[in-house]
Amino acid sequence: PLLANLYMNRFLKYWRITGRGEFFQAQVVNYTDDFVILS
C-alpha cells in the first residue's frame, strides 16, 4: 500500500499540473494502485 500510494501520488500530481482533466474531459478515481479514468 505504501509503494502504491507513493507512485500513484506522482501520477496524480502530474495529471493535475499538466491539466489532463480538462484536456481529456476526465476524472481519475483511485484506491491505492487501482484506478479508473472517467472520460
Full PDB file with SEQRES, HELIX, SHEET, SSBOND, CRYST1, ORIGX, SCALE, CONECT and MASTER records, all heavy atoms in Angstrom:
SEQRES   1 A   39  PRO LEU LEU ALA ASN LEU TYR MET ASN ARG PHE LEU LYS          
SEQRES   2 A   39  TYR TRP ARG ILE THR GLY ARG GLY GLU PHE PHE GLN ALA          
SEQRES   3 A   39  GLN VAL VAL ASN TYR THR ASP ASP PHE VAL ILE LEU SER          
HELIX    1 AA1 LEU A    2  ILE A   17  1                                  16    
HELIX    2 AA2 ARG A   20  PHE A   23  1                                   4    
SHEET    1 AA1 2 GLN A  27  TYR A  31  0                                        
SHEET    2 AA1 2 ASP A  34  LEU A  38 -1                                        
CRYST1    1.000    1.000    1.000  90.00  90.00  90.00 P 1           1          
ORIGX1      1.000000  0.000000  0.000000        0.00000                         
ORIGX2      0.000000  1.000000  0.000000        0.00000                         
ORIGX3      0.000000  0.000000  1.000000        0.00000                         
SCALE1      1.000000  0.000000  0.000000        0.00000                         
SCALE2      0.000000  1.000000  0.000000        0.00000                         
SCALE3      0.000000  0.000000  1.000000        0.00000                         
ATOM      1  N   PRO A   1       0.810  -1.228   0.000  1.00  0.00           N  
ATOM      2  CA  PRO A   1       0.000   0.000   0.000  1.00  0.00           C  
ATOM      3  C   PRO A   1       0.840   1.273   0.000  1.00  0.00           C  
ATOM      4  O   PRO A   1       0.497   2.250  -0.670  1.00  0.00           O  
ATOM      5  CB  PRO A   1      -0.825  -0.126   1.292  1.00  0.00           C  
ATOM      6  CG  PRO A   1      -0.843  -1.581   1.600  1.00  0.00           C  
ATOM      7  CD  PRO A   1       0.482  -2.094   1.147  1.00  0.00           C  
ATOM      8  N   LEU A   2       1.953   1.267   0.745  1.00  0.00           N  
ATOM      9  CA  LEU A   2       2.799   2.453   0.808  1.00  0.00           C  
ATOM     10  C   LEU A   2       3.409   2.753  -0.557  1.00  0.00           C  
ATOM     11  O   LEU A   2       3.349   3.894  -1.041  1.00  0.00           O  
ATOM     12  CB  LEU A   2       3.900   2.261   1.847  1.00  0.00           C  
ATOM     13  CG  LEU A   2       4.952   3.382   1.918  1.00  0.00           C  
ATOM     14  CD1 LEU A   2       4.293   4.703   2.272  1.00  0.00           C  
ATOM     15  CD2 LEU A   2       6.039   3.027   2.935  1.00  0.00           C  
ATOM     16  N   LEU A   3       4.000   1.738  -1.201  1.00  0.00           N  
ATOM     17  CA  LEU A   3       4.604   1.959  -2.511  1.00  0.00           C  
ATOM     18  C   LEU A   3       3.559   2.354  -3.552  1.00  0.00           C  
ATOM     19  O   LEU A   3       3.808   3.206  -4.407  1.00  0.00           O  
ATOM     20  CB  LEU A   3       5.349   0.692  -2.954  1.00  0.00           C  
ATOM     21  CG  LEU A   3       6.579   0.308  -2.128  1.00  0.00           C  
ATOM     22  CD1 LEU A   3       7.191  -0.983  -2.657  1.00  0.00           C  
ATOM     23  CD2 LEU A   3       7.612   1.425  -2.148  1.00  0.00           C  
ATOM     24  N   ALA A   4       2.389   1.718  -3.482  1.00  0.00           N  
ATOM     25  CA  ALA A   4       1.326   2.048  -4.436  1.00  0.00           C  
ATOM     26  C   ALA A   4       0.914   3.504  -4.315  1.00  0.00           C  
ATOM     27  O   ALA A   4       0.754   4.210  -5.320  1.00  0.00           O  
ATOM     28  CB  ALA A   4       0.124   1.130  -4.206  1.00  0.00           C  
ATOM     29  N   ASN A   5       0.758   3.968  -3.090  1.00  0.00           N  
ATOM     30  CA  ASN A   5       0.356   5.364  -2.890  1.00  0.00           C  
ATOM     31  C   ASN A   5       1.446   6.345  -3.307  1.00  0.00           C  
ATOM     32  O   ASN A   5       1.160   7.426  -3.834  1.00  0.00           O  
ATOM     33  CB  ASN A   5      -0.028   5.599  -1.431  1.00  0.00           C  
ATOM     34  CG  ASN A   5      -1.425   5.110  -1.119  1.00  0.00           C  
ATOM     35  OD1 ASN A   5      -2.380   5.472  -1.791  1.00  0.00           O  
ATOM     36  ND2 ASN A   5      -1.555   4.262  -0.113  1.00  0.00           N  
ATOM     37  N   LEU A   6       2.711   5.977  -3.084  1.00  0.00           N  
ATOM     38  CA  LEU A   6       3.811   6.851  -3.499  1.00  0.00           C  
ATOM     39  C   LEU A   6       3.826   7.031  -5.014  1.00  0.00           C  
ATOM     40  O   LEU A   6       3.954   8.155  -5.522  1.00  0.00           O  
ATOM     41  CB  LEU A   6       5.148   6.267  -3.025  1.00  0.00           C  
ATOM     42  CG  LEU A   6       5.455   6.378  -1.534  1.00  0.00           C  
ATOM     43  CD1 LEU A   6       6.748   5.631  -1.206  1.00  0.00           C  
ATOM     44  CD2 LEU A   6       5.566   7.837  -1.105  1.00  0.00           C  
ATOM     45  N   TYR A   7       3.692   5.924  -5.745  1.00  0.00           N  
ATOM     46  CA  TYR A   7       3.727   6.008  -7.208  1.00  0.00           C  
ATOM     47  C   TYR A   7       2.451   6.665  -7.758  1.00  0.00           C  
ATOM     48  O   TYR A   7       2.517   7.467  -8.695  1.00  0.00           O  
ATOM     49  CB  TYR A   7       3.908   4.616  -7.811  1.00  0.00           C  
ATOM     50  CG  TYR A   7       5.354   4.178  -7.843  1.00  0.00           C  
ATOM     51  CD1 TYR A   7       5.895   3.399  -6.822  1.00  0.00           C  
ATOM     52  CD2 TYR A   7       6.183   4.547  -8.904  1.00  0.00           C  
ATOM     53  CE1 TYR A   7       7.229   3.001  -6.862  1.00  0.00           C  
ATOM     54  CE2 TYR A   7       7.512   4.152  -8.945  1.00  0.00           C  
ATOM     55  CZ  TYR A   7       8.034   3.378  -7.917  1.00  0.00           C  
ATOM     56  OH  TYR A   7       9.346   2.991  -7.941  1.00  0.00           O  
ATOM     57  N   MET A   8       1.307   6.310  -7.189  1.00  0.00           N  
ATOM     58  CA  MET A   8       0.064   6.919  -7.670  1.00  0.00           C  
ATOM     59  C   MET A   8       0.035   8.402  -7.385  1.00  0.00           C  
ATOM     60  O   MET A   8      -0.524   9.187  -8.162  1.00  0.00           O  
ATOM     61  CB  MET A   8      -1.140   6.224  -7.019  1.00  0.00           C  
ATOM     62  CG  MET A   8      -1.539   4.915  -7.672  1.00  0.00           C  
ATOM     63  SD  MET A   8      -1.897   5.039  -9.456  1.00  0.00           S  
ATOM     64  CE  MET A   8      -3.246   6.220  -9.454  1.00  0.00           C  
ATOM     65  N   ASN A   9       0.647   8.827  -6.287  1.00  0.00           N  
ATOM     66  CA  ASN A   9       0.711  10.247  -5.983  1.00  0.00           C  
ATOM     67  C   ASN A   9       1.480  10.999  -7.071  1.00  0.00           C  
ATOM     68  O   ASN A   9       1.102  12.109  -7.467  1.00  0.00           O  
ATOM     69  CB  ASN A   9       1.357  10.470  -4.619  1.00  0.00           C  
ATOM     70  CG  ASN A   9       1.421  11.940  -4.251  1.00  0.00           C  
ATOM     71  OD1 ASN A   9       0.403  12.591  -4.078  1.00  0.00           O  
ATOM     72  ND2 ASN A   9       2.635  12.471  -4.138  1.00  0.00           N  
ATOM     73  N   ARG A  10       2.582  10.393  -7.550  1.00  0.00           N  
ATOM     74  CA  ARG A  10       3.360  11.016  -8.626  1.00  0.00           C  
ATOM     75  C   ARG A  10       2.517  11.115  -9.899  1.00  0.00           C  
ATOM     76  O   ARG A  10       2.533  12.142 -10.592  1.00  0.00           O  
ATOM     77  CB  ARG A  10       4.615  10.206  -8.906  1.00  0.00           C  
ATOM     78  CG  ARG A  10       5.610  10.174  -7.757  1.00  0.00           C  
ATOM     79  CD  ARG A  10       6.849   9.384  -8.121  1.00  0.00           C  
ATOM     80  NE  ARG A  10       7.599  10.028  -9.187  1.00  0.00           N  
ATOM     81  CZ  ARG A  10       8.649   9.477  -9.799  1.00  0.00           C  
ATOM     82  NH1 ARG A  10       9.042   8.260  -9.448  1.00  0.00           N  
ATOM     83  NH2 ARG A  10       9.279  10.123 -10.750  1.00  0.00           N  
ATOM     84  N   PHE A  11       1.785  10.038 -10.194  1.00  0.00           N  
ATOM     85  CA  PHE A  11       0.943  10.043 -11.393  1.00  0.00           C  
ATOM     86  C   PHE A  11      -0.162  11.094 -11.290  1.00  0.00           C  
ATOM     87  O   PHE A  11      -0.392  11.876 -12.219  1.00  0.00           O  
ATOM     88  CB  PHE A  11       0.338   8.661 -11.602  1.00  0.00           C  
ATOM     89  CG  PHE A  11      -0.738   8.609 -12.652  1.00  0.00           C  
ATOM     90  CD1 PHE A  11      -0.416   8.672 -13.989  1.00  0.00           C  
ATOM     91  CD2 PHE A  11      -2.080   8.520 -12.296  1.00  0.00           C  
ATOM     92  CE1 PHE A  11      -1.405   8.641 -14.971  1.00  0.00           C  
ATOM     93  CE2 PHE A  11      -3.070   8.490 -13.260  1.00  0.00           C  
ATOM     94  CZ  PHE A  11      -2.726   8.542 -14.594  1.00  0.00           C  
ATOM     95  N   LEU A  12      -0.843  11.130 -10.152  1.00  0.00           N  
ATOM     96  CA  LEU A  12      -1.958  12.071  -9.977  1.00  0.00           C  
ATOM     97  C   LEU A  12      -1.476  13.518  -9.971  1.00  0.00           C  
ATOM     98  O   LEU A  12      -2.163  14.417 -10.481  1.00  0.00           O  
ATOM     99  CB  LEU A  12      -2.704  11.750  -8.683  1.00  0.00           C  
ATOM    100  CG  LEU A  12      -3.436  10.397  -8.655  1.00  0.00           C  
ATOM    101  CD1 LEU A  12      -3.988  10.123  -7.259  1.00  0.00           C  
ATOM    102  CD2 LEU A  12      -4.548  10.361  -9.686  1.00  0.00           C  
ATOM    103  N   LYS A  13      -0.303  13.746  -9.386  1.00  0.00           N  
ATOM    104  CA  LYS A  13       0.243  15.101  -9.363  1.00  0.00           C  
ATOM    105  C   LYS A  13       0.555  15.571 -10.783  1.00  0.00           C  
ATOM    106  O   LYS A  13       0.235  16.710 -11.159  1.00  0.00           O  
ATOM    107  CB  LYS A  13       1.506  15.156  -8.507  1.00  0.00           C  
ATOM    108  CG  LYS A  13       2.089  16.552  -8.356  1.00  0.00           C  
ATOM    109  CD  LYS A  13       3.288  16.537  -7.415  1.00  0.00           C  
ATOM    110  CE  LYS A  13       3.851  17.952  -7.256  1.00  0.00           C  
ATOM    111  NZ  LYS A  13       5.019  17.948  -6.333  1.00  0.00           N  
ATOM    112  N   TYR A  14       1.151  14.701 -11.583  1.00  0.00           N  
ATOM    113  CA  TYR A  14       1.463  15.061 -12.964  1.00  0.00           C  
ATOM    114  C   TYR A  14       0.176  15.245 -13.769  1.00  0.00           C  
ATOM    115  O   TYR A  14       0.110  16.101 -14.662  1.00  0.00           O  
ATOM    116  CB  TYR A  14       2.340  13.976 -13.591  1.00  0.00           C  
ATOM    117  CG  TYR A  14       2.966  14.379 -14.899  1.00  0.00           C  
ATOM    118  CD1 TYR A  14       3.734  15.541 -14.997  1.00  0.00           C  
ATOM    119  CD2 TYR A  14       2.801  13.600 -16.046  1.00  0.00           C  
ATOM    120  CE1 TYR A  14       4.308  15.913 -16.202  1.00  0.00           C  
ATOM    121  CE2 TYR A  14       3.369  13.969 -17.253  1.00  0.00           C  
ATOM    122  CZ  TYR A  14       4.122  15.128 -17.321  1.00  0.00           C  
ATOM    123  OH  TYR A  14       4.687  15.494 -18.521  1.00  0.00           O  
ATOM    124  N   TRP A  15      -0.831  14.445 -13.473  1.00  0.00           N  
ATOM    125  CA  TRP A  15      -2.147  14.605 -14.117  1.00  0.00           C  
ATOM    126  C   TRP A  15      -2.698  16.001 -13.872  1.00  0.00           C  
ATOM    127  O   TRP A  15      -3.218  16.646 -14.780  1.00  0.00           O  
ATOM    128  CB  TRP A  15      -3.098  13.532 -13.585  1.00  0.00           C  
ATOM    129  CG  TRP A  15      -4.534  13.652 -14.021  1.00  0.00           C  
ATOM    130  CD1 TRP A  15      -5.494  14.449 -13.469  1.00  0.00           C  
ATOM    131  CD2 TRP A  15      -5.181  12.944 -15.087  1.00  0.00           C  
ATOM    132  NE1 TRP A  15      -6.697  14.295 -14.103  1.00  0.00           N  
ATOM    133  CE2 TRP A  15      -6.536  13.374 -15.103  1.00  0.00           C  
ATOM    134  CE3 TRP A  15      -4.756  11.990 -15.996  1.00  0.00           C  
ATOM    135  CZ2 TRP A  15      -7.462  12.875 -16.028  1.00  0.00           C  
ATOM    136  CZ3 TRP A  15      -5.682  11.489 -16.919  1.00  0.00           C  
ATOM    137  CH2 TRP A  15      -7.012  11.934 -16.923  1.00  0.00           C  
ATOM    138  N   ARG A  16      -2.556  16.461 -12.626  1.00  0.00           N  
ATOM    139  CA  ARG A  16      -3.107  17.782 -12.273  1.00  0.00           C  
ATOM    140  C   ARG A  16      -2.315  18.924 -12.898  1.00  0.00           C  
ATOM    141  O   ARG A  16      -2.894  19.844 -13.473  1.00  0.00           O  
ATOM    142  CB  ARG A  16      -3.141  17.939 -10.747  1.00  0.00           C  
ATOM    143  CG  ARG A  16      -4.161  17.073 -10.043  1.00  0.00           C  
ATOM    144  CD  ARG A  16      -4.349  17.508  -8.601  1.00  0.00           C  
ATOM    145  NE  ARG A  16      -3.100  17.385  -7.842  1.00  0.00           N  
ATOM    146  CZ  ARG A  16      -2.753  16.301  -7.167  1.00  0.00           C  
ATOM    147  NH1 ARG A  16      -3.534  15.230  -7.177  1.00  0.00           N  
ATOM    148  NH2 ARG A  16      -1.625  16.260  -6.488  1.00  0.00           N  
ATOM    149  N   ILE A  17      -0.984  18.875 -12.766  1.00  0.00           N  
ATOM    150  CA  ILE A  17      -0.185  20.023 -13.213  1.00  0.00           C  
ATOM    151  C   ILE A  17      -0.157  20.148 -14.732  1.00  0.00           C  
ATOM    152  O   ILE A  17       0.121  21.240 -15.264  1.00  0.00           O  
ATOM    153  CB  ILE A  17       1.255  19.946 -12.664  1.00  0.00           C  
ATOM    154  CG1 ILE A  17       1.995  18.744 -13.220  1.00  0.00           C  
ATOM    155  CG2 ILE A  17       1.245  19.933 -11.149  1.00  0.00           C  
ATOM    156  CD1 ILE A  17       3.445  18.652 -12.767  1.00  0.00           C  
ATOM    157  N   THR A  18      -0.448  19.068 -15.452  1.00  0.00           N  
ATOM    158  CA  THR A  18      -0.500  19.151 -16.915  1.00  0.00           C  
ATOM    159  C   THR A  18      -1.917  19.388 -17.434  1.00  0.00           C  
ATOM    160  O   THR A  18      -2.127  19.440 -18.656  1.00  0.00           O  
ATOM    161  CB  THR A  18       0.051  17.850 -17.544  1.00  0.00           C  
ATOM    162  OG1 THR A  18      -0.684  16.721 -17.052  1.00  0.00           O  
ATOM    163  CG2 THR A  18       1.536  17.691 -17.222  1.00  0.00           C  
ATOM    164  N   GLY A  19      -2.879  19.517 -16.510  1.00  0.00           N  
ATOM    165  CA  GLY A  19      -4.241  19.834 -16.917  1.00  0.00           C  
ATOM    166  C   GLY A  19      -4.914  18.738 -17.722  1.00  0.00           C  
ATOM    167  O   GLY A  19      -5.743  19.019 -18.596  1.00  0.00           O  
ATOM    168  N   ARG A  20      -4.574  17.485 -17.432  1.00  0.00           N  
ATOM    169  CA  ARG A  20      -5.165  16.391 -18.196  1.00  0.00           C  
ATOM    170  C   ARG A  20      -6.664  16.273 -17.981  1.00  0.00           C  
ATOM    171  O   ARG A  20      -7.396  15.832 -18.886  1.00  0.00           O  
ATOM    172  CB  ARG A  20      -4.494  15.065 -17.819  1.00  0.00           C  
ATOM    173  CG  ARG A  20      -3.058  14.950 -18.199  1.00  0.00           C  
ATOM    174  CD  ARG A  20      -2.862  15.018 -19.694  1.00  0.00           C  
ATOM    175  NE  ARG A  20      -2.389  16.335 -20.115  1.00  0.00           N  
ATOM    176  CZ  ARG A  20      -2.141  16.674 -21.371  1.00  0.00           C  
ATOM    177  NH1 ARG A  20      -2.344  15.805 -22.333  1.00  0.00           N  
ATOM    178  NH2 ARG A  20      -1.724  17.889 -21.675  1.00  0.00           N  
ATOM    179  N   GLY A  21      -7.130  16.641 -16.789  1.00  0.00           N  
ATOM    180  CA  GLY A  21      -8.557  16.530 -16.522  1.00  0.00           C  
ATOM    181  C   GLY A  21      -9.376  17.373 -17.483  1.00  0.00           C  
ATOM    182  O   GLY A  21     -10.388  16.914 -18.031  1.00  0.00           O  
ATOM    183  N   GLU A  22      -8.942  18.600 -17.697  1.00  0.00           N  
ATOM    184  CA  GLU A  22      -9.648  19.488 -18.627  1.00  0.00           C  
ATOM    185  C   GLU A  22      -9.436  19.047 -20.068  1.00  0.00           C  
ATOM    186  O   GLU A  22     -10.362  19.080 -20.887  1.00  0.00           O  
ATOM    187  CB  GLU A  22      -9.162  20.927 -18.449  1.00  0.00           C  
ATOM    188  CG  GLU A  22      -9.524  21.555 -17.107  1.00  0.00           C  
ATOM    189  CD  GLU A  22      -8.620  21.070 -15.982  1.00  0.00           C  
ATOM    190  OE1 GLU A  22      -7.583  20.414 -16.277  1.00  0.00           O  
ATOM    191  OE2 GLU A  22      -8.957  21.332 -14.809  1.00  0.00           O  
ATOM    192  N   PHE A  23      -8.209  18.619 -20.397  1.00  0.00           N  
ATOM    193  CA  PHE A  23      -7.902  18.249 -21.778  1.00  0.00           C  
ATOM    194  C   PHE A  23      -8.677  17.009 -22.212  1.00  0.00           C  
ATOM    195  O   PHE A  23      -9.201  16.957 -23.333  1.00  0.00           O  
ATOM    196  CB  PHE A  23      -6.397  18.005 -21.921  1.00  0.00           C  
ATOM    197  CG  PHE A  23      -5.959  17.725 -23.326  1.00  0.00           C  
ATOM    198  CD1 PHE A  23      -5.781  18.767 -24.227  1.00  0.00           C  
ATOM    199  CD2 PHE A  23      -5.746  16.421 -23.767  1.00  0.00           C  
ATOM    200  CE1 PHE A  23      -5.389  18.506 -25.538  1.00  0.00           C  
ATOM    201  CE2 PHE A  23      -5.355  16.157 -25.062  1.00  0.00           C  
ATOM    202  CZ  PHE A  23      -5.173  17.200 -25.962  1.00  0.00           C  
ATOM    203  N   PHE A  24      -8.736  16.008 -21.344  1.00  0.00           N  
ATOM    204  CA  PHE A  24      -9.436  14.764 -21.676  1.00  0.00           C  
ATOM    205  C   PHE A  24     -10.895  14.776 -21.212  1.00  0.00           C  
ATOM    206  O   PHE A  24     -11.590  13.780 -21.410  1.00  0.00           O  
ATOM    207  CB  PHE A  24      -8.732  13.563 -21.032  1.00  0.00           C  
ATOM    208  CG  PHE A  24      -7.366  13.282 -21.569  1.00  0.00           C  
ATOM    209  CD1 PHE A  24      -6.302  13.066 -20.716  1.00  0.00           C  
ATOM    210  CD2 PHE A  24      -7.135  13.238 -22.936  1.00  0.00           C  
ATOM    211  CE1 PHE A  24      -5.028  12.797 -21.206  1.00  0.00           C  
ATOM    212  CE2 PHE A  24      -5.872  12.971 -23.442  1.00  0.00           C  
ATOM    213  CZ  PHE A  24      -4.821  12.755 -22.571  1.00  0.00           C  
ATOM    214  N   GLN A  25     -11.342  15.879 -20.616  1.00  0.00           N  
ATOM    215  CA  GLN A  25     -12.683  15.940 -20.018  1.00  0.00           C  
ATOM    216  C   GLN A  25     -12.880  14.713 -19.133  1.00  0.00           C  
ATOM    217  O   GLN A  25     -13.825  13.954 -19.281  1.00  0.00           O  
ATOM    218  CB  GLN A  25     -13.763  15.992 -21.095  1.00  0.00           C  
ATOM    219  CG  GLN A  25     -13.648  17.170 -22.045  1.00  0.00           C  
ATOM    220  CD  GLN A  25     -14.758  17.162 -23.085  1.00  0.00           C  
ATOM    221  OE1 GLN A  25     -15.932  17.074 -22.746  1.00  0.00           O  
ATOM    222  NE2 GLN A  25     -14.386  17.251 -24.351  1.00  0.00           N  
ATOM    223  N   ALA A  26     -11.942  14.541 -18.197  1.00  0.00           N  
ATOM    224  CA  ALA A  26     -11.886  13.283 -17.450  1.00  0.00           C  
ATOM    225  C   ALA A  26     -11.603  13.521 -15.979  1.00  0.00           C  
ATOM    226  O   ALA A  26     -11.162  14.594 -15.570  1.00  0.00           O  
ATOM    227  CB  ALA A  26     -10.810  12.374 -18.045  1.00  0.00           C  
ATOM    228  N   GLN A  27     -11.866  12.496 -15.223  1.00  0.00           N  
ATOM    229  CA  GLN A  27     -11.584  12.492 -13.787  1.00  0.00           C  
ATOM    230  C   GLN A  27     -11.015  11.129 -13.412  1.00  0.00           C  
ATOM    231  O   GLN A  27     -11.489  10.088 -13.880  1.00  0.00           O  
ATOM    232  CB  GLN A  27     -12.855  12.766 -12.984  1.00  0.00           C  
ATOM    233  CG  GLN A  27     -12.637  12.796 -11.484  1.00  0.00           C  
ATOM    234  CD  GLN A  27     -13.909  13.155 -10.732  1.00  0.00           C  
ATOM    235  OE1 GLN A  27     -14.921  13.512 -11.331  1.00  0.00           O  
ATOM    236  NE2 GLN A  27     -13.865  13.044  -9.414  1.00  0.00           N  
ATOM    237  N   VAL A  28      -9.988  11.121 -12.558  1.00  0.00           N  
ATOM    238  CA  VAL A  28      -9.375   9.885 -12.087  1.00  0.00           C  
ATOM    239  C   VAL A  28      -9.954   9.531 -10.718  1.00  0.00           C  
ATOM    240  O   VAL A  28     -10.012  10.379  -9.824  1.00  0.00           O  
ATOM    241  CB  VAL A  28      -7.843  10.011 -11.976  1.00  0.00           C  
ATOM    242  CG1 VAL A  28      -7.236   8.694 -11.470  1.00  0.00           C  
ATOM    243  CG2 VAL A  28      -7.237  10.371 -13.319  1.00  0.00           C  
ATOM    244  N   VAL A  29     -10.380   8.288 -10.560  1.00  0.00           N  
ATOM    245  CA  VAL A  29     -10.840   7.779  -9.267  1.00  0.00           C  
ATOM    246  C   VAL A  29      -9.939   6.602  -8.921  1.00  0.00           C  
ATOM    247  O   VAL A  29      -9.837   5.649  -9.704  1.00  0.00           O  
ATOM    248  CB  VAL A  29     -12.307   7.317  -9.323  1.00  0.00           C  
ATOM    249  CG1 VAL A  29     -12.755   6.818  -7.956  1.00  0.00           C  
ATOM    250  CG2 VAL A  29     -13.208   8.448  -9.801  1.00  0.00           C  
ATOM    251  N   ASN A  30      -9.268   6.681  -7.772  1.00  0.00           N  
ATOM    252  CA  ASN A  30      -8.329   5.606  -7.445  1.00  0.00           C  
ATOM    253  C   ASN A  30      -8.400   5.213  -5.983  1.00  0.00           C  
ATOM    254  O   ASN A  30      -8.852   5.977  -5.124  1.00  0.00           O  
ATOM    255  CB  ASN A  30      -6.897   6.032  -7.777  1.00  0.00           C  
ATOM    256  CG  ASN A  30      -6.281   6.905  -6.692  1.00  0.00           C  
ATOM    257  OD1 ASN A  30      -6.692   8.059  -6.521  1.00  0.00           O  
ATOM    258  ND2 ASN A  30      -5.303   6.368  -5.968  1.00  0.00           N  
ATOM    259  N   TYR A  31      -7.948   3.997  -5.728  1.00  0.00           N  
ATOM    260  CA  TYR A  31      -7.734   3.492  -4.370  1.00  0.00           C  
ATOM    261  C   TYR A  31      -6.459   2.677  -4.424  1.00  0.00           C  
ATOM    262  O   TYR A  31      -6.421   1.635  -5.083  1.00  0.00           O  
ATOM    263  CB  TYR A  31      -8.908   2.644  -3.892  1.00  0.00           C  
ATOM    264  CG  TYR A  31      -8.744   2.146  -2.478  1.00  0.00           C  
ATOM    265  CD1 TYR A  31      -9.053   2.972  -1.399  1.00  0.00           C  
ATOM    266  CD2 TYR A  31      -8.251   0.865  -2.226  1.00  0.00           C  
ATOM    267  CE1 TYR A  31      -8.894   2.529  -0.102  1.00  0.00           C  
ATOM    268  CE2 TYR A  31      -8.092   0.415  -0.927  1.00  0.00           C  
ATOM    269  CZ  TYR A  31      -8.412   1.251   0.129  1.00  0.00           C  
ATOM    270  OH  TYR A  31      -8.240   0.809   1.420  1.00  0.00           O  
ATOM    271  N   THR A  32      -5.407   3.162  -3.780  1.00  0.00           N  
ATOM    272  CA  THR A  32      -4.043   2.626  -3.883  1.00  0.00           C  
ATOM    273  C   THR A  32      -3.674   2.492  -5.363  1.00  0.00           C  
ATOM    274  O   THR A  32      -3.639   3.484  -6.077  1.00  0.00           O  
ATOM    275  CB  THR A  32      -3.880   1.296  -3.122  1.00  0.00           C  
ATOM    276  OG1 THR A  32      -4.753   0.303  -3.666  1.00  0.00           O  
ATOM    277  CG2 THR A  32      -4.196   1.490  -1.657  1.00  0.00           C  
ATOM    278  N   ASP A  33      -3.437   1.252  -5.859  1.00  0.00           N  
ATOM    279  CA  ASP A  33      -2.980   1.124  -7.240  1.00  0.00           C  
ATOM    280  C   ASP A  33      -4.101   0.775  -8.216  1.00  0.00           C  
ATOM    281  O   ASP A  33      -3.841   0.562  -9.406  1.00  0.00           O  
ATOM    282  CB  ASP A  33      -1.878   0.056  -7.330  1.00  0.00           C  
ATOM    283  CG  ASP A  33      -2.370  -1.317  -6.876  1.00  0.00           C  
ATOM    284  OD1 ASP A  33      -3.383  -1.364  -6.159  1.00  0.00           O  
ATOM    285  OD2 ASP A  33      -1.738  -2.321  -7.220  1.00  0.00           O  
ATOM    286  N   ASP A  34      -5.329   0.722  -7.759  1.00  0.00           N  
ATOM    287  CA  ASP A  34      -6.470   0.502  -8.646  1.00  0.00           C  
ATOM    288  C   ASP A  34      -7.090   1.845  -8.996  1.00  0.00           C  
ATOM    289  O   ASP A  34      -7.359   2.663  -8.103  1.00  0.00           O  
ATOM    290  CB  ASP A  34      -7.529  -0.383  -7.974  1.00  0.00           C  
ATOM    291  CG  ASP A  34      -7.075  -1.829  -7.857  1.00  0.00           C  
ATOM    292  OD1 ASP A  34      -6.274  -2.261  -8.703  1.00  0.00           O  
ATOM    293  OD2 ASP A  34      -7.514  -2.518  -6.923  1.00  0.00           O  
ATOM    294  N   PHE A  35      -7.332   2.085 -10.280  1.00  0.00           N  
ATOM    295  CA  PHE A  35      -7.936   3.358 -10.659  1.00  0.00           C  
ATOM    296  C   PHE A  35      -8.707   3.223 -11.967  1.00  0.00           C  
ATOM    297  O   PHE A  35      -8.455   2.328 -12.775  1.00  0.00           O  
ATOM    298  CB  PHE A  35      -6.872   4.453 -10.772  1.00  0.00           C  
ATOM    299  CG  PHE A  35      -5.891   4.281 -11.905  1.00  0.00           C  
ATOM    300  CD1 PHE A  35      -6.063   4.955 -13.102  1.00  0.00           C  
ATOM    301  CD2 PHE A  35      -4.783   3.449 -11.766  1.00  0.00           C  
ATOM    302  CE1 PHE A  35      -5.148   4.815 -14.141  1.00  0.00           C  
ATOM    303  CE2 PHE A  35      -3.871   3.299 -12.789  1.00  0.00           C  
ATOM    304  CZ  PHE A  35      -4.050   3.987 -13.988  1.00  0.00           C  
ATOM    305  N   VAL A  36      -9.666   4.118 -12.134  1.00  0.00           N  
ATOM    306  CA  VAL A  36     -10.401   4.244 -13.384  1.00  0.00           C  
ATOM    307  C   VAL A  36     -10.333   5.698 -13.816  1.00  0.00           C  
ATOM    308  O   VAL A  36     -10.224   6.606 -12.984  1.00  0.00           O  
ATOM    309  CB  VAL A  36     -11.881   3.807 -13.253  1.00  0.00           C  
ATOM    310  CG1 VAL A  36     -11.989   2.337 -12.925  1.00  0.00           C  
ATOM    311  CG2 VAL A  36     -12.597   4.643 -12.202  1.00  0.00           C  
ATOM    312  N   ILE A  37     -10.378   5.902 -15.116  1.00  0.00           N  
ATOM    313  CA  ILE A  37     -10.416   7.251 -15.672  1.00  0.00           C  
ATOM    314  C   ILE A  37     -11.761   7.405 -16.367  1.00  0.00           C  
ATOM    315  O   ILE A  37     -12.077   6.676 -17.313  1.00  0.00           O  
ATOM    316  CB  ILE A  37      -9.271   7.482 -16.667  1.00  0.00           C  
ATOM    317  CG1 ILE A  37      -7.918   7.322 -15.960  1.00  0.00           C  
ATOM    318  CG2 ILE A  37      -9.377   8.873 -17.285  1.00  0.00           C  
ATOM    319  CD1 ILE A  37      -6.727   7.459 -16.893  1.00  0.00           C  
ATOM    320  N   LEU A  38     -12.548   8.331 -15.875  1.00  0.00           N  
ATOM    321  CA  LEU A  38     -13.871   8.594 -16.447  1.00  0.00           C  
ATOM    322  C   LEU A  38     -13.733   9.753 -17.422  1.00  0.00           C  
ATOM    323  O   LEU A  38     -13.464  10.888 -17.032  1.00  0.00           O  
ATOM    324  CB  LEU A  38     -14.863   8.937 -15.330  1.00  0.00           C  
ATOM    325  CG  LEU A  38     -14.930   7.918 -14.182  1.00  0.00           C  
ATOM    326  CD1 LEU A  38     -15.857   8.417 -13.078  1.00  0.00           C  
ATOM    327  CD2 LEU A  38     -15.382   6.558 -14.694  1.00  0.00           C  
ATOM    328  N   SER A  39     -13.898   9.467 -18.695  1.00  0.00           N  
ATOM    329  CA  SER A  39     -13.651  10.466 -19.729  1.00  0.00           C  
ATOM    330  C   SER A  39     -14.832  10.562 -20.680  1.00  0.00           C  
ATOM    331  O   SER A  39     -15.526   9.571 -20.928  1.00  0.00           O  
ATOM    332  CB  SER A  39     -12.385  10.105 -20.520  1.00  0.00           C  
ATOM    333  OG  SER A  39     -12.190  10.988 -21.601  1.00  0.00           O  
TER     334      SER A  39                                                      
MASTER        0    0    0    2    2    0    0    6  333    1    0    3          
END                                                                             
